[in-house]
Protein backbone atom coordinates (compact mmCIF):
# COMPACT_ATOMS: atom_id res chain seq x y z
CA ARG A 1 175.17 105.27 118.99
CA ALA A 2 172.09 104.51 116.90
CA LEU A 3 170.91 105.12 113.37
CA PHE A 4 167.21 106.03 113.09
CA PRO A 5 165.00 105.14 110.12
CA PHE A 6 163.13 108.09 108.66
CA GLY A 7 159.72 108.52 107.00
CA PHE A 8 158.43 111.48 105.00
CA HIS A 9 154.73 111.81 105.77
CA VAL A 10 152.85 112.74 102.60
CA THR A 11 150.02 114.66 104.24
CA GLY A 12 147.55 114.25 101.38
CA MET A 13 144.87 116.92 101.55
CA PRO A 14 147.06 119.86 102.70
CA ILE A 15 149.49 119.22 99.81
CA LYS A 16 146.67 118.78 97.28
CA ALA A 17 144.94 121.92 98.60
CA ALA A 18 148.17 123.94 98.31
CA ALA A 19 148.72 122.65 94.75
CA ASP A 20 145.13 123.64 93.88
CA LYS A 21 145.78 127.12 95.28
CA ILE A 22 148.76 127.57 92.94
CA THR A 23 146.55 126.44 90.04
CA ARG A 24 143.88 129.01 90.95
CA GLU A 25 146.44 131.78 91.49
CA LEU A 26 147.98 131.14 88.06
CA GLU A 27 144.50 131.51 86.55
CA MET A 28 143.85 134.69 88.56
CA PHE A 29 147.20 136.48 88.24
CA GLY A 30 149.04 134.90 85.29
CA PRO A 31 152.53 133.29 85.14
CA ASN A 32 154.17 136.30 86.83
CA PHE A 33 151.67 136.33 89.71
CA GLU A 34 150.89 140.04 89.34
CA LEU A 35 148.53 141.21 92.10
CA PRO A 36 145.97 144.01 91.71
CA GLU A 37 147.03 146.82 94.05
CA GLU A 38 143.69 147.12 95.81
CA GLN A 39 143.66 143.60 97.26
CA THR A 40 144.22 143.24 101.00
CA THR A 41 145.28 140.39 103.19
CA GLU A 42 142.18 140.48 105.34
CA ASP A 43 139.81 140.36 102.37
CA ASN A 44 141.63 137.38 100.91
CA LEU A 45 141.63 135.43 104.16
CA SER A 46 137.87 135.95 104.42
CA GLU A 47 137.45 134.67 100.86
CA GLU A 48 139.64 131.64 101.51
CA VAL A 49 137.68 130.64 104.58
CA SER A 50 134.37 131.00 102.76
CA GLU A 51 135.62 128.40 100.25
CA LEU A 52 136.29 125.86 102.99
CA SER A 53 132.78 124.92 103.98
CA VAL A 54 131.31 121.74 105.32
CA GLY A 55 129.86 118.86 103.42
CA ASP A 56 128.29 117.30 106.42
CA ALA A 57 127.80 120.79 107.76
CA PRO A 58 129.00 124.50 106.68
CA SER A 59 129.67 127.62 108.71
CA SER A 60 127.80 130.29 110.62
CA GLY A 61 127.99 132.84 107.81
CA GLN A 62 129.68 135.48 109.97
CA ASN A 63 132.59 137.49 108.56
CA PHE A 64 135.95 135.91 109.36
CA ARG A 65 138.55 138.06 111.06
CA ALA A 66 141.53 136.11 112.38
CA LYS A 67 143.96 137.56 114.89
CA LYS A 68 146.65 135.14 113.72
CA THR A 69 146.15 132.32 111.25
CA LYS A 70 148.46 129.34 110.78
CA VAL A 71 149.78 130.94 107.60
CA ALA A 72 150.47 134.26 109.34
CA ALA A 73 152.15 132.48 112.22
CA LYS A 74 154.57 130.72 109.87
CA PHE A 75 155.16 133.21 107.08
CA GLY A 76 154.04 136.62 108.30
CA ASN A 77 151.28 138.72 106.82
CA VAL A 78 151.02 137.02 103.39
CA GLN A 79 147.94 136.61 101.21
CA TYR A 80 148.53 133.82 98.72
CA GLN A 81 150.26 130.48 98.34
CA PHE A 82 152.67 131.86 95.72
CA GLN A 83 153.83 134.50 98.23
CA ILE A 84 154.69 131.75 100.72
CA MET A 85 156.72 130.00 98.00
CA ARG A 86 158.47 133.26 97.09
CA SER A 87 159.45 133.72 100.74
CA GLN A 88 161.38 130.45 100.38
CA GLY A 89 163.42 131.87 97.48
CA LEU A 90 161.54 130.22 94.60
CA SER A 91 161.15 131.96 91.23
CA ASN A 92 157.82 132.32 89.42
CA GLU A 93 158.87 129.59 86.96
CA GLU A 94 159.67 127.22 89.80
CA ILE A 95 156.45 128.05 91.67
CA ALA A 96 154.35 127.15 88.60
CA LYS A 97 155.67 123.58 88.79
CA PHE A 98 153.90 123.13 92.13
CA VAL A 99 150.50 122.79 90.44
CA ASP A 100 151.50 119.10 90.31
CA ALA A 101 150.99 117.69 93.82
CA GLU A 102 153.78 115.11 93.26
CA HIS A 103 156.29 117.89 92.60
CA TRP A 104 155.98 118.85 96.28
CA LEU A 105 157.17 115.34 97.18
CA GLU A 106 160.21 115.65 94.94
CA HIS A 107 161.17 119.19 96.00
CA TYR A 108 160.98 119.16 99.81
CA PRO A 109 162.46 115.82 101.02
CA PRO A 110 166.02 116.65 99.80
CA ILE A 111 165.78 119.98 101.68
CA ALA A 112 164.68 118.13 104.84
CA ILE A 113 167.57 115.64 104.45
CA ASN A 114 170.07 118.48 104.12
CA ASP A 115 168.67 120.25 107.23
CA LEU A 116 168.73 117.08 109.32
CA ASN A 117 172.29 116.26 108.28
CA SER A 118 173.29 119.84 109.14
CA LEU A 119 171.83 119.30 112.61
CA GLY A 120 174.03 116.21 112.99
CA CYS A 121 171.13 113.73 113.18
CA LYS A 122 172.30 110.13 112.74
CA ILE A 123 169.77 108.73 110.27
CA ASP A 124 169.86 105.55 108.19
CA TRP A 125 168.81 107.12 104.90
CA ARG A 126 168.81 103.67 103.19
CA ARG A 127 165.52 102.98 104.94
CA ALA A 128 163.90 106.40 104.31
CA PHE A 129 160.51 106.27 102.59
CA LEU A 130 157.40 108.29 101.67
CA THR A 131 153.87 107.35 102.71
CA THR A 132 150.54 107.05 100.78
CA ASP A 133 149.97 105.66 97.29
CA TYR A 134 152.86 107.77 95.98
CA ASN A 135 154.91 104.86 97.32
CA PRO A 136 153.36 101.60 96.01
CA TYR A 137 155.23 99.49 98.58
CA TYR A 138 153.97 101.48 101.55
CA ASP A 139 150.50 101.66 99.97
CA SER A 140 150.28 97.87 99.65
CA PHE A 141 151.28 97.56 103.33
CA ALA A 142 148.48 99.93 104.40
CA LYS A 143 145.96 98.09 102.19
CA TRP A 144 147.06 94.75 103.66
CA GLN A 145 146.38 96.05 107.18
CA PHE A 146 142.89 97.27 106.32
CA GLU A 147 141.96 94.09 104.44
CA ARG A 148 143.00 91.89 107.39
CA LEU A 149 141.11 94.11 109.88
CA TYR A 150 138.02 94.00 107.65
CA GLU A 151 138.19 90.20 107.39
CA MET A 152 138.40 90.01 111.20
CA GLY A 153 135.29 92.15 111.56
CA LYS A 154 137.23 94.88 113.38
CA ILE A 155 136.33 97.66 110.94
CA LYS A 156 133.34 98.47 108.74
CA PHE A 157 132.45 101.02 106.12
CA GLY A 158 129.73 103.60 106.62
CA LYS A 159 128.91 107.27 107.00
CA ARG A 160 129.16 109.62 109.95
CA TYR A 161 128.90 113.36 110.40
CA THR A 162 132.17 115.16 109.81
CA ILE A 163 133.44 118.58 108.81
CA TRP A 164 133.46 118.39 105.02
CA SER A 165 135.24 120.45 102.40
CA ALA A 166 132.76 120.94 99.58
CA LYS A 167 135.55 122.44 97.43
CA ASP A 168 137.83 119.42 97.79
CA GLY A 169 135.09 116.79 98.00
CA GLN A 170 136.40 115.09 101.13
CA PRO A 171 136.48 115.35 104.93
CA CYS A 172 138.51 118.24 106.33
CA MET A 173 140.27 117.16 109.52
CA ASP A 174 141.78 119.40 112.19
CA HIS A 175 145.24 119.89 110.68
CA ASP A 176 143.85 120.52 107.21
CA ARG A 177 142.04 123.70 108.30
CA GLN A 178 143.21 127.29 108.09
CA SER A 179 140.99 128.04 111.09
CA GLY A 180 138.59 126.07 113.27
CA GLU A 181 140.81 123.37 114.79
CA GLY A 182 138.90 121.27 117.29
CA VAL A 183 135.49 122.24 115.87
CA GLY A 184 133.24 119.23 115.37
CA PRO A 185 129.78 118.60 113.93
CA GLN A 186 126.79 119.64 116.05
CA GLU A 187 123.81 117.34 115.53
CA TYR A 188 120.33 118.87 115.55
CA THR A 189 116.80 117.64 115.04
CA GLY A 190 115.17 119.33 112.05
CA ILE A 191 111.52 119.94 112.98
CA LYS A 192 109.14 120.27 110.00
CA LEU A 193 106.57 123.00 110.65
CA SER A 194 104.20 122.54 107.73
CA ILE A 195 102.25 125.52 106.42
CA LEU A 196 98.56 125.54 107.34
CA GLU A 197 97.88 129.06 106.10
CA TRP A 198 100.21 131.58 104.48
CA SER A 199 100.31 135.23 105.49
CA GLU A 200 98.91 137.63 102.90
CA GLU A 201 102.37 138.55 101.58
CA GLY A 202 103.59 134.97 101.76
CA SER A 203 100.58 133.76 99.79
CA GLN A 204 101.36 136.22 96.98
CA VAL A 205 105.00 135.05 96.83
CA VAL A 206 104.02 131.37 96.67
CA ALA A 207 101.37 132.00 94.00
CA ALA A 208 104.02 133.64 91.81
CA ILE A 209 106.24 130.50 91.84
CA PRO A 210 104.62 127.83 89.62
CA ALA A 211 107.14 125.16 90.73
CA LEU A 212 105.61 125.21 94.24
CA ALA A 213 102.16 124.17 93.06
CA GLY A 214 100.94 120.98 94.71
CA LYS A 215 103.98 120.63 96.96
CA LYS A 216 103.96 120.33 100.75
CA ILE A 217 105.83 123.34 102.16
CA SER A 218 107.40 123.33 105.63
CA LEU A 219 109.56 125.72 107.59
CA VAL A 220 112.34 123.65 109.15
CA ALA A 221 113.60 124.58 112.63
CA ALA A 222 116.86 123.06 113.89
CA THR A 223 116.63 122.27 117.61
CA LEU A 224 118.92 120.71 120.20
CA ARG A 225 115.94 120.02 122.46
CA PRO A 226 113.37 117.82 120.70
CA GLU A 227 111.94 116.73 124.07
CA THR A 228 110.53 120.24 124.62
CA MET A 229 108.46 120.33 121.41
CA TYR A 230 105.27 119.77 123.43
CA GLY A 231 105.58 123.39 124.60
CA GLN A 232 105.76 125.13 121.19
CA THR A 233 103.68 128.33 121.17
CA ASN A 234 105.00 129.96 117.99
CA CYS A 235 107.85 130.03 115.49
CA PHE A 236 110.44 132.79 114.88
CA VAL A 237 112.12 133.98 111.67
CA GLY A 238 114.57 136.84 111.04
CA VAL A 239 112.65 139.78 109.63
CA ASN A 240 115.33 140.88 107.16
CA LEU A 241 116.74 137.45 106.36
CA GLU A 242 116.29 135.89 102.94
CA TYR A 243 114.95 132.36 102.90
CA GLY A 244 114.63 129.98 99.98
CA PHE A 245 112.20 127.28 98.87
CA PHE A 246 114.43 124.24 98.56
CA GLU A 247 113.45 120.82 97.25
CA SER A 248 113.96 117.98 99.72
CA ALA A 249 115.08 114.46 98.82
CA ASP A 250 111.38 113.78 98.36
CA ALA A 251 110.53 116.01 95.40
CA SER A 252 106.96 116.50 96.66
CA GLU A 253 108.21 118.33 99.76
CA VAL A 254 109.83 121.78 99.96
CA TYR A 255 111.80 123.26 102.90
CA VAL A 256 111.86 126.97 103.75
CA ILE A 257 115.35 127.58 105.17
CA THR A 258 118.45 129.73 104.62
CA GLU A 259 120.79 129.10 101.67
CA ARG A 260 123.60 128.07 104.01
CA ALA A 261 121.46 125.41 105.71
CA ALA A 262 120.28 124.10 102.33
CA ARG A 263 123.89 123.77 101.20
CA ASN A 264 124.66 121.76 104.33
CA MET A 265 121.65 119.53 103.83
CA ALA A 266 122.70 118.80 100.25
CA PHE A 267 125.69 116.85 101.62
CA GLN A 268 123.56 114.90 104.11
CA GLY A 269 121.15 113.12 101.79
CA LEU A 270 118.44 115.75 102.33
CA SER A 271 118.30 117.13 98.76
CA PRO A 272 117.45 115.48 95.41
CA SER A 273 121.13 114.79 94.59
CA ASN A 274 124.29 114.83 96.69
CA GLY A 275 125.94 118.22 96.94
CA GLN A 276 123.35 119.88 94.70
CA VAL A 277 120.87 122.48 95.95
CA VAL A 278 117.55 122.82 94.09
CA LYS A 279 116.17 126.28 94.82
CA LEU A 280 112.67 127.03 93.55
CA GLY A 281 112.39 130.64 94.76
CA THR A 282 113.03 133.09 97.58
CA ILE A 283 111.02 134.76 100.33
CA THR A 284 111.95 137.20 103.11
CA GLY A 285 111.31 136.65 106.80
CA LYS A 286 109.02 139.66 106.79
CA GLN A 287 106.79 138.02 104.15
CA ILE A 288 106.51 134.82 106.21
CA ILE A 289 105.46 136.54 109.47
CA GLY A 290 101.83 135.87 110.32
CA SER A 291 101.73 132.49 108.57
CA LYS A 292 100.09 129.66 110.50
CA LEU A 293 102.00 126.40 111.01
CA ASN A 294 101.44 122.90 112.30
CA ALA A 295 103.93 122.38 115.16
CA PRO A 296 104.56 118.64 115.73
CA LEU A 297 103.75 117.48 119.30
CA SER A 298 102.61 120.96 120.35
CA CYS A 299 99.58 121.16 122.63
CA TYR A 300 98.28 123.88 120.27
CA THR A 301 96.94 121.46 117.67
CA ASN A 302 95.15 124.16 115.69
CA GLY A 303 98.48 125.68 114.73
CA VAL A 304 100.90 128.39 115.84
CA TYR A 305 102.00 131.64 114.16
CA VAL A 306 105.31 132.82 112.71
CA LEU A 307 106.64 135.84 114.60
CA PRO A 308 109.62 138.21 114.10
CA MET A 309 112.93 137.80 115.93
CA ASP A 310 116.37 139.37 116.07
CA ASN A 311 118.34 138.36 112.94
CA VAL A 312 121.40 137.59 115.08
CA LEU A 313 119.61 134.59 116.57
CA ALA A 314 119.20 133.09 113.10
CA THR A 315 122.90 132.91 112.20
CA LYS A 316 123.07 129.24 113.17
CA GLY A 317 120.81 126.35 112.29
CA THR A 318 118.29 126.87 109.52
CA GLY A 319 117.34 130.48 110.26
CA VAL A 320 114.02 129.20 111.64
CA VAL A 321 113.54 128.92 115.41
CA THR A 322 110.70 127.01 117.01
CA SER A 323 109.69 128.67 120.27
CA VAL A 324 109.26 126.92 123.64
CA PRO A 325 109.02 129.86 126.10
CA SER A 326 108.46 127.63 129.13
CA ASP A 327 111.98 126.19 128.86
CA SER A 328 113.98 128.58 126.65
CA PRO A 329 114.93 131.97 128.18
CA ASP A 330 115.51 133.41 124.68
CA ASP A 331 112.03 132.39 123.53
CA PHE A 332 110.38 133.60 126.72
CA ALA A 333 112.04 137.03 126.57
CA ALA A 334 111.21 137.47 122.87
CA LEU A 335 107.57 136.39 123.24
CA ARG A 336 107.11 138.63 126.27
CA ASP A 337 108.43 141.62 124.29
CA LEU A 338 106.07 140.86 121.41
CA LYS A 339 103.04 140.59 123.69
CA LYS A 340 103.87 143.94 125.29
CA LYS A 341 104.40 145.83 122.01
CA VAL A 342 102.30 144.28 119.25
CA ASP A 343 102.05 147.59 117.35
CA TYR A 344 105.77 148.29 117.60
CA TYR A 345 106.63 144.89 116.12
CA GLY A 346 103.89 145.11 113.50
CA ILE A 347 102.03 141.95 114.50
CA LYS A 348 98.37 141.19 115.15
CA PRO A 349 97.26 140.58 118.78
CA GLU A 350 95.69 137.22 117.90
CA TRP A 351 99.07 135.87 116.82
CA VAL A 352 100.29 135.99 120.44
CA SER A 353 97.18 136.14 122.65
CA GLY A 354 95.79 132.83 123.83
CA PHE A 355 99.16 131.08 123.52
CA GLU A 356 100.01 130.57 127.17
CA LEU A 357 103.13 128.77 128.40
CA ILE A 358 102.85 124.98 128.67
CA PRO A 359 104.69 123.07 131.43
CA VAL A 360 106.99 120.57 129.73
CA ILE A 361 109.78 119.79 132.20
CA THR A 362 109.81 119.91 136.00
CA THR A 363 113.09 120.59 137.83
CA PRO A 364 113.73 120.56 141.60
CA THR A 365 115.25 124.06 141.52
CA TYR A 366 112.96 125.99 139.16
CA GLY A 367 109.72 124.01 139.09
CA GLU A 368 107.61 123.71 135.93
CA MET A 369 108.48 127.09 134.40
CA LEU A 370 112.24 127.03 134.03
CA ALA A 371 112.65 129.96 131.61
CA PRO A 372 110.41 132.51 133.39
CA ALA A 373 112.04 131.64 136.73
CA LEU A 374 115.54 132.16 135.34
CA CYS A 375 114.60 135.44 133.63
CA GLU A 376 113.21 136.75 136.93
CA GLN A 377 116.23 135.56 138.91
CA MET A 378 118.74 137.08 136.45
CA LYS A 379 116.72 140.29 136.00
CA ILE A 380 116.29 139.80 132.24
CA ASN A 381 113.91 142.51 131.07
CA SER A 382 113.99 142.05 127.28
CA GLN A 383 115.40 140.00 124.42
CA LYS A 384 118.18 142.60 124.10
CA ASP A 385 119.82 141.47 127.37
CA ARG A 386 122.09 139.13 125.42
CA LYS A 387 124.74 138.45 128.06
CA GLN A 388 122.23 137.47 130.75
CA LEU A 389 120.27 135.41 128.24
CA GLU A 390 123.39 133.47 127.24
CA ASP A 391 124.05 132.67 130.90
CA ALA A 392 120.40 131.74 131.48
CA LYS A 393 120.38 129.52 128.40
CA GLU A 394 123.36 127.53 129.68
CA VAL A 395 121.77 127.06 133.11
CA ALA A 396 118.41 126.11 131.59
CA TYR A 397 119.90 123.47 129.32
CA LYS A 398 121.99 121.81 132.05
CA GLU A 399 119.25 121.98 134.69
CA GLY A 400 116.60 120.64 132.32
CA PHE A 401 118.76 117.87 130.88
CA TYR A 402 120.39 116.54 134.05
CA ASN A 403 117.68 117.15 136.65
CA GLY A 404 114.48 117.48 134.61
CA ILE A 405 111.47 115.16 134.61
CA MET A 406 108.99 115.17 131.71
CA SER A 407 105.62 116.56 132.82
CA VAL A 408 103.71 116.07 129.54
CA GLY A 409 103.38 113.65 126.64
CA GLU A 410 103.91 109.94 126.15
CA PHE A 411 107.04 109.92 128.32
CA LYS A 412 105.57 111.84 131.25
CA GLY A 413 107.39 111.01 134.51
CA MET A 414 110.56 109.92 132.69
CA SER A 415 113.87 111.73 133.15
CA VAL A 416 114.80 114.11 130.33
CA ILE A 417 118.06 112.18 129.80
CA ASP A 418 116.05 109.06 128.94
CA ALA A 419 113.13 110.78 127.20
CA LYS A 420 115.14 113.00 124.84
CA PRO A 421 116.33 110.28 122.40
CA LYS A 422 112.90 108.60 122.51
CA VAL A 423 111.06 111.79 121.56
CA ARG A 424 113.58 112.41 118.79
CA GLU A 425 113.17 108.90 117.39
CA GLN A 426 109.39 109.30 117.55
CA LEU A 427 109.48 112.58 115.61
CA ILE A 428 111.77 111.15 112.94
CA ALA A 429 109.76 107.93 112.62
CA SER A 430 106.53 109.90 112.10
CA GLY A 431 108.14 111.97 109.32
CA ASP A 432 107.81 115.19 111.33
CA ALA A 433 111.57 115.59 111.75
CA PHE A 434 114.96 114.48 110.46
CA ALA A 435 118.57 114.43 111.65
CA TYR A 436 120.63 117.46 110.59
CA ALA A 437 124.15 118.61 111.49
CA GLU A 438 126.46 121.58 110.98
CA PRO A 439 129.77 122.75 112.51
CA GLU A 440 129.68 123.98 116.10
CA LYS A 441 131.21 127.22 114.82
CA LEU A 442 133.02 128.71 111.84
CA VAL A 443 135.60 126.55 110.07
């Protein structure tokens, strides 16, 4: 007894992305879309995901292996966009027309109209329309709304952290992603650990790169807990990881971080130009070990040393981990292992001896030494006890954040909830840190 109006939602980025895929596939396989026999679905899906990174933050760098992607759910075990189009009965000549994003808007609405009529839907097709600037009437209506809201002071323009597609040059929202729905940006504090003295190997690497001469060089550690920086006793890097010397927005300063982190930073105003990484050279984690650093806020004002860690722990953040063993179970377990087996890990005793744990946060349940207490309670014997350490890490973070009281520094006696943003602001204001974000997990 009613006729419904009907709108065709022009989704924007998904259509443009699909059109771009057809363009790339024509370049790769020619007008007949002839595939090399050796290519596999799984390899292609991995490649596709690696292209969808994050402007205001990319991915963890782990290999992607999906159990069932959106594409697989809809079209079966296909590899490419042209195969999806073929499954709908389109010829190669017809598929080639879809390089034009507007062709999608001409091809599919008549099919939808036919399907809806076949279902017996009572629709007033006189009032059917398409959205976005493809339809100038609808576009002017949307613009009118935004202009009125702006005049009323209800909206403003600015930047925020978001998952960003570097390939497409725009934000990548939930429904535009092949995988990673619901994943948001995770905001860190990037702590600058400036070099006081290079290790012997590190010194040789730096001397061989003329572009580094006269520049301030800092390892950058991404932390979620800036309020614990008073307790830094050392810094960790992945032994076999490759790090780069990357120019910061201030050309006189260079950051030692992983390539993935540098690429993220390039879209956050932390490199000389937006989206562009300036790499001056490379260095391995092994060559950095033994270097002496200035750790901002640390009670060890004469500097702390770079020590080796499990590469797995460096897959997120910048690949550099600042160590607070009093409050981080991971750091405590790793430092304890290193102190027990200096020869096994190839480090010098003086890099770990004399660096005792510093009380930073007091909690009613675990006292001043949260991490050691948790490791004892959960029977964590080494840094290889990953499952127990994950559980201990979760408990430590919640206990410290919600129930902790600062026991050191300018905000001593203040709750961690209140002190955390103040310490962060202080570090950023002094130039010892900056805001940095990346996706919570792979997108």
